[in-house]
Amino acid sequence: MYSIWKFALKSQETQVLEIPLDAQILSTETQGDDIVVYAMVNTEQTEKEYKDVRVYGTGEPIPDVITEYNFLGTAKFNNGSMMFHVFYK
């Protein structure tokens, strides 16, 4: 059986997200003061995998290594006055 799960990100530029093996990362969004990532997971999967996640605000310098990552989406705060762009690999 599959289900959509939510994973909250920490307020830092780089982090590792622990998710069930073979989960399909779907989107990112804001919820309250948090950036969250949604993924479709097999609820019977007990093994884990780790995704390297990067979060950058608009106008911040981004290292060249970002070309190795997948762009997930943009999280908006304060009616769009603060924008954070989420990447993973």
C-alpha atoms as a PDB file:
ATOM      1  CA  MET A   1       0.000   0.000   0.000  1.00  0.00           C
ATOM      2  CA  TYR A   2       1.155   3.548  -0.755  1.00  0.00           C
ATOM      3  CA  SER A   3       0.605   6.791   1.107  1.00  0.00           C
ATOM      4  CA  ILE A   4       1.763  10.415   0.884  1.00  0.00           C
ATOM      5  CA  TRP A   5       4.042  11.314   3.791  1.00  0.00           C
ATOM      6  CA  LYS A   6       5.330  14.701   4.888  1.00  0.00           C
ATOM      7  CA  PHE A   7       8.923  15.344   5.977  1.00  0.00           C
ATOM      8  CA  ALA A   8       9.819  18.638   7.674  1.00  0.00           C
ATOM      9  CA  LEU A   9      13.148  20.226   6.791  1.00  0.00           C
ATOM     10  CA  LYS A  10      15.415  21.879   9.318  1.00  0.00           C
ATOM     11  CA  SER A  11      16.209  25.561   8.935  1.00  0.00           C
ATOM     12  CA  GLN A  12      19.689  25.038   7.512  1.00  0.00           C
ATOM     13  CA  GLU A  13      21.253  25.099   4.071  1.00  0.00           C
ATOM     14  CA  THR A  14      22.347  21.442   3.878  1.00  0.00           C
ATOM     15  CA  GLN A  15      20.757  18.422   5.500  1.00  0.00           C
ATOM     16  CA  VAL A  16      20.052  14.742   5.045  1.00  0.00           C
ATOM     17  CA  LEU A  17      16.480  13.533   4.779  1.00  0.00           C
ATOM     18  CA  GLU A  18      15.760   9.954   5.888  1.00  0.00           C
ATOM     19  CA  ILE A  19      12.910   8.423   3.887  1.00  0.00           C
ATOM     20  CA  PRO A  20      11.676   4.888   3.119  1.00  0.00           C
ATOM     21  CA  LEU A  21      13.603   3.139   0.351  1.00  0.00           C
ATOM     22  CA  ASP A  22      12.290   3.899  -3.165  1.00  0.00           C
ATOM     23  CA  ALA A  23       9.990   6.686  -1.984  1.00  0.00           C
ATOM     24  CA  GLN A  24       9.036   9.071  -4.775  1.00  0.00           C
ATOM     25  CA  ILE A  25       9.722  12.681  -3.816  1.00  0.00           C
ATOM     26  CA  LEU A  26       6.803  14.761  -5.076  1.00  0.00           C
ATOM     27  CA  SER A  27       6.920  18.391  -3.981  1.00  0.00           C
ATOM     28  CA  THR A  28       7.889  20.979  -1.424  1.00  0.00           C
ATOM     29  CA  GLU A  29       5.676  23.514   0.316  1.00  0.00           C
ATOM     30  CA  THR A  30       5.482  25.691   3.387  1.00  0.00           C
ATOM     31  CA  GLN A  31       3.446  24.740   6.423  1.00  0.00           C
ATOM     32  CA  GLY A  32       3.429  27.318   9.172  1.00  0.00           C
ATOM     33  CA  ASP A  33       7.074  28.284   9.715  1.00  0.00           C
ATOM     34  CA  ASP A  34       8.444  25.094   8.146  1.00  0.00           C
ATOM     35  CA  ILE A  35       9.475  23.905   4.721  1.00  0.00           C
ATOM     36  CA  VAL A  36       8.110  20.409   4.141  1.00  0.00           C
ATOM     37  CA  VAL A  37       8.752  17.775   1.490  1.00  0.00           C
ATOM     38  CA  TYR A  38       6.011  15.402   0.369  1.00  0.00           C
ATOM     39  CA  ALA A  39       6.801  11.905  -0.871  1.00  0.00           C
ATOM     40  CA  MET A  40       4.794   8.880  -1.945  1.00  0.00           C
ATOM     41  CA  VAL A  41       5.998   5.922   0.084  1.00  0.00           C
ATOM     42  CA  ASN A  42       5.318   2.219   0.218  1.00  0.00           C
ATOM     43  CA  THR A  43       3.955   1.911   3.765  1.00  0.00           C
ATOM     44  CA  GLU A  44       5.254  -1.656   4.024  1.00  0.00           C
ATOM     45  CA  GLN A  45       8.861  -0.631   3.270  1.00  0.00           C
ATOM     46  CA  THR A  46      11.038  -0.830   6.381  1.00  0.00           C
ATOM     47  CA  GLU A  47      14.402  -0.053   4.760  1.00  0.00           C
ATOM     48  CA  LYS A  48      15.539   3.582   4.662  1.00  0.00           C
ATOM     49  CA  GLU A  49      17.496   5.698   2.224  1.00  0.00           C
ATOM     50  CA  TYR A  50      18.993   9.139   2.594  1.00  0.00           C
ATOM     51  CA  LYS A  51      18.581  12.154   0.338  1.00  0.00           C
ATOM     52  CA  ASP A  52      20.970  15.093   0.461  1.00  0.00           C
ATOM     53  CA  VAL A  53      18.839  18.258   0.526  1.00  0.00           C
ATOM     54  CA  ARG A  54      19.949  21.847  -0.128  1.00  0.00           C
ATOM     55  CA  VAL A  55      17.871  24.969   0.539  1.00  0.00           C
ATOM     56  CA  TYR A  56      18.835  28.410  -0.789  1.00  0.00           C
ATOM     57  CA  GLY A  57      17.111  31.756  -0.552  1.00  0.00           C
ATOM     58  CA  THR A  58      16.722  33.935  -3.610  1.00  0.00           C
ATOM     59  CA  GLY A  59      19.921  35.904  -4.243  1.00  0.00           C
ATOM     60  CA  GLU A  60      22.122  33.672  -2.041  1.00  0.00           C
ATOM     61  CA  PRO A  61      25.318  32.295  -3.579  1.00  0.00           C
ATOM     62  CA  ILE A  62      24.968  28.638  -4.605  1.00  0.00           C
ATOM     63  CA  PRO A  63      27.986  26.323  -5.016  1.00  0.00           C
ATOM     64  CA  ASP A  64      28.669  24.759  -8.433  1.00  0.00           C
ATOM     65  CA  VAL A  65      27.897  21.293  -7.000  1.00  0.00           C
ATOM     66  CA  ILE A  66      24.193  22.204  -7.247  1.00  0.00           C
ATOM     67  CA  THR A  67      24.230  21.012 -10.870  1.00  0.00           C
ATOM     68  CA  GLU A  68      24.350  17.452  -9.457  1.00  0.00           C
ATOM     69  CA  TYR A  69      21.003  17.972  -7.681  1.00  0.00           C
ATOM     70  CA  ASN A  70      17.374  17.845  -8.780  1.00  0.00           C
ATOM     71  CA  PHE A  71      15.305  20.988  -8.318  1.00  0.00           C
ATOM     72  CA  LEU A  72      12.247  20.138  -6.212  1.00  0.00           C
ATOM     73  CA  GLY A  73      10.467  23.458  -5.944  1.00  0.00           C
ATOM     74  CA  THR A  74      10.192  26.828  -4.269  1.00  0.00           C
ATOM     75  CA  ALA A  75       8.787  27.430  -0.798  1.00  0.00           C
ATOM     76  CA  LYS A  76       7.227  30.846  -0.195  1.00  0.00           C
ATOM     77  CA  PHE A  77       6.995  32.690   3.116  1.00  0.00           C
ATOM     78  CA  ASN A  78       5.441  36.046   4.059  1.00  0.00           C
ATOM     79  CA  ASN A  79       3.181  36.238   1.001  1.00  0.00           C
ATOM     80  CA  GLY A  80       6.117  35.590  -1.326  1.00  0.00           C
ATOM     81  CA  SER A  81       8.520  38.138   0.131  1.00  0.00           C
ATOM     82  CA  MET A  82      10.861  35.301   1.223  1.00  0.00           C
ATOM     83  CA  MET A  83      11.532  32.533  -1.298  1.00  0.00           C
ATOM     84  CA  PHE A  84      13.528  29.358  -0.639  1.00  0.00           C
ATOM     85  CA  HIS A  85      14.524  26.959  -3.432  1.00  0.00           C
ATOM     86  CA  VAL A  86      14.838  23.252  -2.564  1.00  0.00           C
ATOM     87  CA  PHE A  87      17.147  20.778  -4.308  1.00  0.00           C
ATOM     88  CA  TYR A  88      17.888  17.096  -3.581  1.00  0.00           C
ATOM     89  CA  LYS A  89      19.938  14.132  -4.731  1.00  0.00           C
END
